[in-house]
């Protein structure tokens, strides 16, 4: 080991990193901010329900989705806080001071059946109580064409 610096000797003794971390141990991607002046927004279909999320059967038939839908144009860097504020504009129940909004992404699985995956919660009025307010759609695994299901609790 003659001619090697102390730093080189230290790094040689360290075991190699594991070949790959399991998906549950990977860090979420860092937030990406989109230039909203230059990027075309996507159409997001949002379904709301008081008390709980919709069930898979509610989305089983194309064209027969739940009736309580509204559509918004947004970007993949939209946060759950931004979406909470938009839901409050449309849904009076979401404006309650103690309302909690639970978000889920609805997407087709490999068999073509819809899957509902809870992705975060916010309070109607944060008042410093941050749950998942800063999570972006992109971080939640949202893909263009997926739906957003919002349970107002």
N, C-alpha and C. Protein backbone atom coordinates (compact mmCIF):
# COMPACT_ATOMS: atom_id res chain seq x y z
N UNK A 1 0.82 -1.19 0.00
CA UNK A 1 0.00 0.00 0.00
C UNK A 1 0.86 1.25 0.00
N UNK A 2 2.11 1.06 -0.29
CA UNK A 2 2.98 2.21 -0.34
C UNK A 2 2.58 3.09 -1.52
N UNK A 3 2.71 4.38 -1.34
CA UNK A 3 2.40 5.33 -2.40
C UNK A 3 0.92 5.69 -2.47
N UNK A 4 0.10 5.13 -1.59
CA UNK A 4 -1.32 5.47 -1.58
C UNK A 4 -1.60 6.47 -0.47
N UNK A 5 -2.48 7.39 -0.72
CA UNK A 5 -2.85 8.35 0.31
C UNK A 5 -3.78 7.68 1.31
N UNK A 6 -3.97 8.32 2.45
CA UNK A 6 -4.86 7.78 3.49
C UNK A 6 -6.29 7.69 2.98
N UNK A 7 -6.72 8.67 2.19
CA UNK A 7 -8.09 8.66 1.65
C UNK A 7 -8.29 7.47 0.71
N UNK A 8 -7.26 7.17 -0.10
CA UNK A 8 -7.39 6.03 -1.02
C UNK A 8 -7.46 4.72 -0.25
N UNK A 9 -6.66 4.60 0.82
CA UNK A 9 -6.69 3.38 1.62
C UNK A 9 -8.04 3.21 2.30
N UNK A 10 -8.64 4.32 2.79
CA UNK A 10 -9.94 4.26 3.44
C UNK A 10 -11.03 3.78 2.48
N UNK A 11 -11.01 4.29 1.27
CA UNK A 11 -12.06 3.90 0.32
C UNK A 11 -11.89 2.48 -0.15
N UNK A 12 -10.67 1.95 -0.14
CA UNK A 12 -10.47 0.57 -0.55
C UNK A 12 -11.04 -0.40 0.46
N UNK A 13 -11.08 -0.03 1.74
CA UNK A 13 -11.57 -0.93 2.77
C UNK A 13 -13.09 -0.95 2.87
N UNK A 14 -13.78 0.03 2.30
CA UNK A 14 -15.23 0.07 2.39
C UNK A 14 -15.84 -0.99 1.49
N UNK A 15 -16.88 -1.67 1.96
CA UNK A 15 -17.53 -2.66 1.09
C UNK A 15 -18.26 -1.94 -0.04
N UNK A 16 -18.42 -2.60 -1.15
CA UNK A 16 -19.13 -1.96 -2.25
C UNK A 16 -20.60 -1.73 -1.88
N UNK A 17 -21.23 -0.73 -2.46
CA UNK A 17 -22.64 -0.48 -2.14
C UNK A 17 -23.49 -1.64 -2.65
N UNK A 18 -24.65 -1.82 -2.05
CA UNK A 18 -25.52 -2.92 -2.52
C UNK A 18 -25.90 -2.69 -3.97
N UNK A 19 -26.15 -3.77 -4.72
CA UNK A 19 -26.41 -3.64 -6.15
C UNK A 19 -27.64 -2.79 -6.47
N UNK A 20 -28.60 -2.77 -5.62
CA UNK A 20 -29.79 -1.95 -5.87
C UNK A 20 -30.68 -1.97 -4.65
N UNK A 21 -31.20 -0.84 -4.31
CA UNK A 21 -32.09 -0.78 -3.16
C UNK A 21 -33.48 -1.23 -3.58
N UNK A 22 -34.19 -1.89 -2.69
CA UNK A 22 -35.57 -2.25 -3.03
C UNK A 22 -36.40 -0.98 -3.23
N UNK A 23 -37.48 -1.05 -4.02
CA UNK A 23 -38.28 0.15 -4.31
C UNK A 23 -38.74 0.88 -3.06
N UNK A 24 -39.03 0.17 -1.97
CA UNK A 24 -39.52 0.84 -0.76
C UNK A 24 -38.44 1.68 -0.10
N UNK A 25 -37.17 1.46 -0.41
CA UNK A 25 -36.07 2.19 0.21
C UNK A 25 -35.54 3.32 -0.67
N UNK A 26 -36.02 3.41 -1.89
CA UNK A 26 -35.54 4.47 -2.78
C UNK A 26 -36.13 5.80 -2.36
N UNK A 27 -35.35 6.84 -2.50
CA UNK A 27 -35.82 8.18 -2.18
C UNK A 27 -36.71 8.69 -3.31
N UNK A 28 -37.73 9.50 -2.98
CA UNK A 28 -38.54 10.07 -4.05
C UNK A 28 -37.69 11.02 -4.88
N UNK A 29 -38.05 11.20 -6.13
CA UNK A 29 -37.26 12.11 -6.95
C UNK A 29 -37.38 13.53 -6.42
N UNK A 30 -36.34 14.33 -6.61
CA UNK A 30 -36.42 15.71 -6.12
C UNK A 30 -37.50 16.46 -6.89
N UNK A 31 -38.11 17.46 -6.24
CA UNK A 31 -39.15 18.23 -6.92
C UNK A 31 -38.62 18.86 -8.22
N UNK A 32 -39.45 18.81 -9.23
CA UNK A 32 -39.11 19.43 -10.50
C UNK A 32 -40.15 20.53 -10.74
N UNK A 33 -39.68 21.68 -11.13
CA UNK A 33 -40.60 22.77 -11.38
C UNK A 33 -40.67 23.01 -12.87
N UNK A 34 -41.88 23.07 -13.35
CA UNK A 34 -42.14 23.22 -14.77
C UNK A 34 -42.38 24.68 -15.09
N UNK A 35 -41.86 25.12 -16.21
CA UNK A 35 -42.14 26.48 -16.66
C UNK A 35 -43.56 26.48 -17.21
N UNK A 36 -44.49 26.94 -16.41
CA UNK A 36 -45.90 26.87 -16.76
C UNK A 36 -46.29 27.82 -17.89
N UNK A 37 -45.41 28.73 -18.20
CA UNK A 37 -45.66 29.63 -19.34
C UNK A 37 -45.37 28.92 -20.66
N UNK A 38 -44.46 27.95 -20.63
CA UNK A 38 -44.02 27.30 -21.87
C UNK A 38 -44.53 25.86 -22.01
N UNK A 39 -45.07 25.30 -20.94
CA UNK A 39 -45.49 23.90 -20.95
C UNK A 39 -47.01 23.80 -20.98
N UNK A 40 -47.51 22.99 -21.87
CA UNK A 40 -48.96 22.77 -21.99
C UNK A 40 -49.46 22.01 -20.77
N UNK A 41 -50.58 22.42 -20.16
CA UNK A 41 -51.10 21.69 -19.01
C UNK A 41 -51.79 20.40 -19.44
N UNK A 42 -52.02 19.54 -18.47
CA UNK A 42 -52.74 18.29 -18.71
C UNK A 42 -54.15 18.40 -18.14
N UNK A 43 -55.06 17.60 -18.66
CA UNK A 43 -56.42 17.56 -18.13
C UNK A 43 -56.48 16.52 -17.03
N UNK A 44 -56.91 16.96 -15.86
CA UNK A 44 -57.00 16.08 -14.70
C UNK A 44 -58.47 15.90 -14.33
N UNK A 45 -58.93 14.66 -14.36
CA UNK A 45 -60.30 14.35 -13.96
C UNK A 45 -60.27 14.04 -12.46
N UNK A 46 -61.04 14.82 -11.69
CA UNK A 46 -61.05 14.71 -10.24
C UNK A 46 -62.44 14.26 -9.80
N UNK A 47 -62.49 13.21 -8.98
CA UNK A 47 -63.74 12.69 -8.44
C UNK A 47 -63.72 12.88 -6.93
N UNK A 48 -64.76 13.48 -6.38
CA UNK A 48 -64.81 13.70 -4.94
C UNK A 48 -65.92 12.85 -4.32
N UNK A 49 -65.72 12.51 -3.06
CA UNK A 49 -66.73 11.76 -2.33
C UNK A 49 -66.62 12.11 -0.85
N UNK A 50 -67.74 12.30 -0.22
CA UNK A 50 -67.77 12.64 1.20
C UNK A 50 -67.66 11.37 2.04
N UNK A 51 -66.73 11.33 2.96
CA UNK A 51 -66.61 10.22 3.90
C UNK A 51 -65.59 9.15 3.56
N UNK A 52 -65.41 8.84 2.28
CA UNK A 52 -64.45 7.79 1.91
C UNK A 52 -64.11 7.92 0.43
N UNK A 53 -63.14 7.11 0.02
CA UNK A 53 -62.80 7.05 -1.40
C UNK A 53 -63.83 6.23 -2.15
N UNK A 54 -63.88 6.41 -3.45
CA UNK A 54 -64.70 5.54 -4.28
C UNK A 54 -64.08 4.14 -4.27
N UNK A 55 -64.83 3.18 -4.74
CA UNK A 55 -64.31 1.81 -4.83
C UNK A 55 -64.01 1.52 -6.30
N UNK A 56 -63.24 0.47 -6.53
CA UNK A 56 -62.82 0.12 -7.90
C UNK A 56 -64.00 -0.06 -8.84
N UNK A 57 -65.09 -0.62 -8.34
CA UNK A 57 -66.26 -0.88 -9.18
C UNK A 57 -66.85 0.42 -9.74
N UNK A 58 -66.66 1.53 -9.04
CA UNK A 58 -67.17 2.82 -9.52
C UNK A 58 -66.51 3.24 -10.82
N UNK A 59 -65.32 2.73 -11.08
CA UNK A 59 -64.56 3.10 -12.28
C UNK A 59 -64.51 1.97 -13.31
N UNK A 60 -65.21 0.89 -13.05
CA UNK A 60 -65.10 -0.31 -13.89
C UNK A 60 -65.54 -0.09 -15.33
N UNK A 61 -66.60 0.66 -15.54
CA UNK A 61 -67.13 0.86 -16.89
C UNK A 61 -66.79 2.25 -17.41
N UNK A 62 -66.11 2.28 -18.56
CA UNK A 62 -65.79 3.56 -19.20
C UNK A 62 -67.08 4.29 -19.54
N UNK A 63 -67.14 5.58 -19.23
CA UNK A 63 -68.33 6.37 -19.51
C UNK A 63 -69.33 6.34 -18.37
N UNK A 64 -69.11 5.46 -17.39
CA UNK A 64 -70.02 5.38 -16.24
C UNK A 64 -69.27 5.68 -14.95
N UNK A 65 -68.33 6.59 -15.01
CA UNK A 65 -67.58 6.97 -13.83
C UNK A 65 -68.52 7.71 -12.86
N UNK A 66 -68.10 7.89 -11.62
CA UNK A 66 -68.95 8.61 -10.66
C UNK A 66 -69.35 9.99 -11.19
N UNK A 67 -70.52 10.44 -10.77
CA UNK A 67 -71.09 11.70 -11.27
C UNK A 67 -70.42 12.94 -10.68
N UNK A 68 -69.89 12.82 -9.49
CA UNK A 68 -69.31 14.00 -8.83
C UNK A 68 -67.89 14.27 -9.32
N UNK A 69 -67.79 14.62 -10.58
CA UNK A 69 -66.50 14.85 -11.24
C UNK A 69 -66.37 16.31 -11.63
N UNK A 70 -65.18 16.82 -11.53
CA UNK A 70 -64.84 18.08 -12.18
C UNK A 70 -63.49 17.91 -12.83
N UNK A 71 -63.23 18.74 -13.81
CA UNK A 71 -61.99 18.64 -14.57
C UNK A 71 -61.20 19.92 -14.43
N UNK A 72 -59.91 19.76 -14.28
CA UNK A 72 -59.04 20.93 -14.18
C UNK A 72 -57.84 20.74 -15.10
N UNK A 73 -57.31 21.84 -15.55
CA UNK A 73 -56.06 21.82 -16.29
C UNK A 73 -54.95 22.18 -15.32
N UNK A 74 -53.95 21.34 -15.25
CA UNK A 74 -52.84 21.57 -14.33
C UNK A 74 -51.57 20.97 -14.91
N UNK A 75 -50.51 20.97 -14.12
CA UNK A 75 -49.21 20.45 -14.54
C UNK A 75 -48.79 19.37 -13.57
N UNK A 76 -47.81 18.56 -13.97
CA UNK A 76 -47.35 17.48 -13.11
C UNK A 76 -46.59 17.97 -11.88
N UNK A 77 -46.24 19.26 -11.85
CA UNK A 77 -45.59 19.78 -10.65
C UNK A 77 -46.59 20.39 -9.67
N UNK A 78 -47.89 20.23 -9.94
CA UNK A 78 -48.91 20.74 -9.01
C UNK A 78 -48.81 19.98 -7.69
N UNK A 79 -48.92 20.72 -6.60
CA UNK A 79 -48.84 20.10 -5.27
C UNK A 79 -50.24 19.76 -4.76
N UNK A 80 -50.28 18.90 -3.77
CA UNK A 80 -51.56 18.56 -3.17
C UNK A 80 -52.21 19.79 -2.53
N UNK A 81 -51.42 20.75 -2.08
CA UNK A 81 -52.00 21.99 -1.53
C UNK A 81 -52.72 22.76 -2.63
N UNK A 82 -52.11 22.88 -3.81
CA UNK A 82 -52.77 23.56 -4.93
C UNK A 82 -54.07 22.85 -5.28
N UNK A 83 -54.03 21.53 -5.34
CA UNK A 83 -55.22 20.76 -5.68
C UNK A 83 -56.28 20.88 -4.59
N UNK A 84 -55.87 20.94 -3.33
CA UNK A 84 -56.81 21.14 -2.23
C UNK A 84 -57.57 22.44 -2.42
N UNK A 85 -56.84 23.50 -2.76
CA UNK A 85 -57.49 24.80 -2.95
C UNK A 85 -58.47 24.77 -4.12
N UNK A 86 -58.14 24.03 -5.17
CA UNK A 86 -59.06 23.92 -6.30
C UNK A 86 -60.30 23.10 -5.94
N UNK A 87 -60.12 22.04 -5.15
CA UNK A 87 -61.26 21.24 -4.71
C UNK A 87 -62.18 22.10 -3.84
N UNK A 88 -61.60 22.93 -2.99
CA UNK A 88 -62.41 23.80 -2.13
C UNK A 88 -63.25 24.79 -2.93
N UNK A 89 -62.76 25.23 -4.08
CA UNK A 89 -63.53 26.15 -4.92
C UNK A 89 -64.79 25.50 -5.46
N UNK A 90 -64.75 24.19 -5.70
CA UNK A 90 -65.83 23.49 -6.37
C UNK A 90 -66.75 22.74 -5.40
N UNK A 91 -66.19 22.25 -4.30
CA UNK A 91 -66.93 21.37 -3.39
C UNK A 91 -67.11 22.05 -2.03
N UNK A 92 -68.34 22.47 -1.70
CA UNK A 92 -68.57 23.19 -0.43
C UNK A 92 -68.15 22.40 0.81
N UNK A 93 -68.32 21.06 0.81
CA UNK A 93 -67.96 20.26 1.99
C UNK A 93 -66.46 20.34 2.29
N UNK A 94 -65.66 20.60 1.30
CA UNK A 94 -64.21 20.69 1.50
C UNK A 94 -63.80 22.00 2.15
N UNK A 95 -64.73 22.93 2.27
CA UNK A 95 -64.40 24.24 2.86
C UNK A 95 -64.52 24.26 4.38
N UNK A 96 -65.02 23.18 4.97
CA UNK A 96 -65.13 23.14 6.43
C UNK A 96 -63.74 23.34 7.05
N UNK A 97 -63.70 24.03 8.16
CA UNK A 97 -62.41 24.31 8.80
C UNK A 97 -61.69 23.02 9.24
N UNK A 98 -62.47 22.00 9.62
CA UNK A 98 -61.86 20.76 10.10
C UNK A 98 -61.79 19.67 9.03
N UNK A 99 -62.06 20.02 7.78
CA UNK A 99 -62.06 19.02 6.71
C UNK A 99 -60.65 18.52 6.42
N UNK A 100 -60.56 17.22 6.20
CA UNK A 100 -59.30 16.60 5.79
C UNK A 100 -59.55 15.98 4.43
N UNK A 101 -58.66 16.18 3.50
CA UNK A 101 -58.80 15.63 2.16
C UNK A 101 -57.78 14.53 1.95
N UNK A 102 -58.27 13.38 1.54
CA UNK A 102 -57.40 12.25 1.27
C UNK A 102 -57.38 12.04 -0.25
N UNK A 103 -56.19 12.01 -0.82
CA UNK A 103 -56.02 11.91 -2.27
C UNK A 103 -55.60 10.49 -2.64
N UNK A 104 -56.13 10.01 -3.76
CA UNK A 104 -55.74 8.71 -4.30
C UNK A 104 -55.66 8.82 -5.82
N UNK A 105 -54.67 8.15 -6.38
CA UNK A 105 -54.53 8.10 -7.84
C UNK A 105 -55.27 6.85 -8.32
N UNK A 106 -56.09 7.01 -9.34
CA UNK A 106 -56.84 5.90 -9.92
C UNK A 106 -56.25 5.64 -11.30
N UNK A 107 -55.75 4.42 -11.50
CA UNK A 107 -55.07 4.10 -12.76
C UNK A 107 -55.35 2.66 -13.15
N UNK A 108 -55.27 2.34 -14.45
CA UNK A 108 -55.48 0.96 -14.87
C UNK A 108 -54.23 0.12 -14.61
N UNK A 109 -54.46 -1.08 -14.07
CA UNK A 109 -53.32 -1.97 -13.84
C UNK A 109 -53.04 -2.77 -15.11
N UNK A 110 -52.13 -3.72 -15.03
CA UNK A 110 -51.73 -4.48 -16.22
C UNK A 110 -52.86 -5.32 -16.79
N UNK A 111 -53.89 -5.60 -16.00
CA UNK A 111 -55.04 -6.38 -16.48
C UNK A 111 -56.16 -5.49 -17.01
N UNK A 112 -55.94 -4.18 -16.99
CA UNK A 112 -56.95 -3.25 -17.47
C UNK A 112 -57.99 -2.86 -16.44
N UNK A 113 -57.84 -3.37 -15.21
CA UNK A 113 -58.76 -3.01 -14.14
C UNK A 113 -58.20 -1.81 -13.39
N UNK A 114 -59.08 -0.95 -12.90
CA UNK A 114 -58.62 0.23 -12.20
C UNK A 114 -58.15 -0.11 -10.79
N UNK A 115 -57.08 0.54 -10.39
CA UNK A 115 -56.51 0.41 -9.06
C UNK A 115 -56.58 1.78 -8.41
N UNK A 116 -56.91 1.80 -7.13
CA UNK A 116 -56.98 3.05 -6.37
C UNK A 116 -55.84 3.03 -5.36
N UNK A 117 -54.91 3.97 -5.50
CA UNK A 117 -53.72 4.00 -4.64
C UNK A 117 -53.71 5.30 -3.83
N UNK A 118 -53.95 5.23 -2.51
CA UNK A 118 -53.87 6.45 -1.68
C UNK A 118 -52.47 7.04 -1.73
N UNK A 119 -52.39 8.36 -1.88
CA UNK A 119 -51.08 8.99 -2.05
C UNK A 119 -50.80 10.13 -1.09
N UNK A 120 -51.81 10.62 -0.38
CA UNK A 120 -51.52 11.71 0.54
C UNK A 120 -52.78 12.33 1.12
N UNK A 121 -52.57 13.13 2.17
CA UNK A 121 -53.66 13.84 2.83
C UNK A 121 -53.27 15.28 3.10
N UNK A 122 -54.28 16.14 3.09
CA UNK A 122 -54.10 17.54 3.46
C UNK A 122 -55.27 17.96 4.32
N UNK A 123 -55.09 19.05 5.03
CA UNK A 123 -56.20 19.69 5.73
C UNK A 123 -56.73 20.80 4.84
N UNK A 124 -58.03 21.03 4.93
CA UNK A 124 -58.64 22.07 4.12
C UNK A 124 -57.96 23.41 4.37
N UNK A 125 -57.75 23.71 5.63
CA UNK A 125 -57.02 24.91 6.01
C UNK A 125 -55.81 24.44 6.79
N UNK A 126 -54.65 24.55 6.16
CA UNK A 126 -53.43 24.01 6.74
C UNK A 126 -53.12 24.51 8.12
N UNK A 127 -53.17 25.83 8.32
CA UNK A 127 -52.86 26.43 9.62
C UNK A 127 -51.57 25.87 10.22
N UNK A 128 -50.59 25.64 9.37
CA UNK A 128 -49.31 25.13 9.84
C UNK A 128 -49.27 23.62 9.99
N UNK A 129 -50.41 22.95 9.81
CA UNK A 129 -50.45 21.48 9.94
C UNK A 129 -50.20 20.88 8.56
N UNK A 130 -48.94 20.71 8.23
CA UNK A 130 -48.60 20.16 6.92
C UNK A 130 -48.59 18.65 6.98
N UNK A 131 -49.36 18.05 6.14
CA UNK A 131 -49.29 16.60 6.01
C UNK A 131 -48.48 16.31 4.75
N UNK A 132 -49.17 16.26 3.63
CA UNK A 132 -48.51 15.97 2.36
C UNK A 132 -48.67 17.13 1.39
N UNK A 133 -48.82 18.33 1.92
CA UNK A 133 -49.13 19.51 1.11
C UNK A 133 -48.13 19.76 -0.01
N UNK A 134 -46.88 19.45 0.21
CA UNK A 134 -45.85 19.79 -0.78
C UNK A 134 -45.58 18.69 -1.79
N UNK A 135 -46.26 17.56 -1.67
CA UNK A 135 -46.06 16.48 -2.64
C UNK A 135 -46.59 16.90 -4.01
N UNK A 136 -45.83 16.62 -5.04
CA UNK A 136 -46.23 16.93 -6.41
C UNK A 136 -46.85 15.70 -7.06
N UNK A 137 -47.73 15.94 -8.03
CA UNK A 137 -48.33 14.82 -8.77
C UNK A 137 -47.25 13.90 -9.32
N UNK A 138 -46.19 14.47 -9.85
CA UNK A 138 -45.11 13.69 -10.44
C UNK A 138 -44.49 12.74 -9.41
N UNK A 139 -44.35 13.19 -8.18
CA UNK A 139 -43.75 12.37 -7.12
C UNK A 139 -44.66 11.21 -6.71
N UNK A 140 -45.95 11.36 -6.96
CA UNK A 140 -46.92 10.37 -6.51
C UNK A 140 -47.13 9.25 -7.52
N UNK A 141 -46.40 9.29 -8.61
CA UNK A 141 -46.54 8.26 -9.63
C UNK A 141 -47.67 8.55 -10.60
N UNK A 142 -48.17 9.76 -10.60
CA UNK A 142 -49.27 10.14 -11.48
C UNK A 142 -48.79 10.17 -12.93
N UNK A 143 -49.59 9.57 -13.81
CA UNK A 143 -49.32 9.60 -15.24
C UNK A 143 -50.49 10.28 -15.94
N UNK A 144 -50.21 10.91 -17.06
CA UNK A 144 -51.28 11.56 -17.82
C UNK A 144 -52.32 10.50 -18.19
N UNK A 145 -53.57 10.79 -17.93
CA UNK A 145 -54.66 9.84 -18.18
C UNK A 145 -55.19 9.21 -16.90
N UNK A 146 -54.42 9.27 -15.80
CA UNK A 146 -54.90 8.77 -14.52
C UNK A 146 -55.95 9.73 -13.97
N UNK A 147 -56.78 9.24 -13.05
CA UNK A 147 -57.75 10.06 -12.37
C UNK A 147 -57.25 10.38 -10.97
N UNK A 148 -57.88 11.37 -10.34
CA UNK A 148 -57.60 11.68 -8.95
C UNK A 148 -58.89 11.53 -8.18
N UNK A 149 -58.87 10.71 -7.14
CA UNK A 149 -60.03 10.51 -6.29
C UNK A 149 -59.75 11.21 -4.97
N UNK A 150 -60.70 12.06 -4.54
CA UNK A 150 -60.52 12.84 -3.32
C UNK A 150 -61.63 12.50 -2.33
N UNK A 151 -61.25 11.95 -1.19
CA UNK A 151 -62.21 11.68 -0.12
C UNK A 151 -62.18 12.87 0.83
N UNK A 152 -63.35 13.42 1.10
CA UNK A 152 -63.45 14.55 2.03
C UNK A 152 -63.87 13.99 3.37
N UNK A 153 -62.96 14.01 4.32
CA UNK A 153 -63.19 13.39 5.64
C UNK A 153 -63.46 14.43 6.71
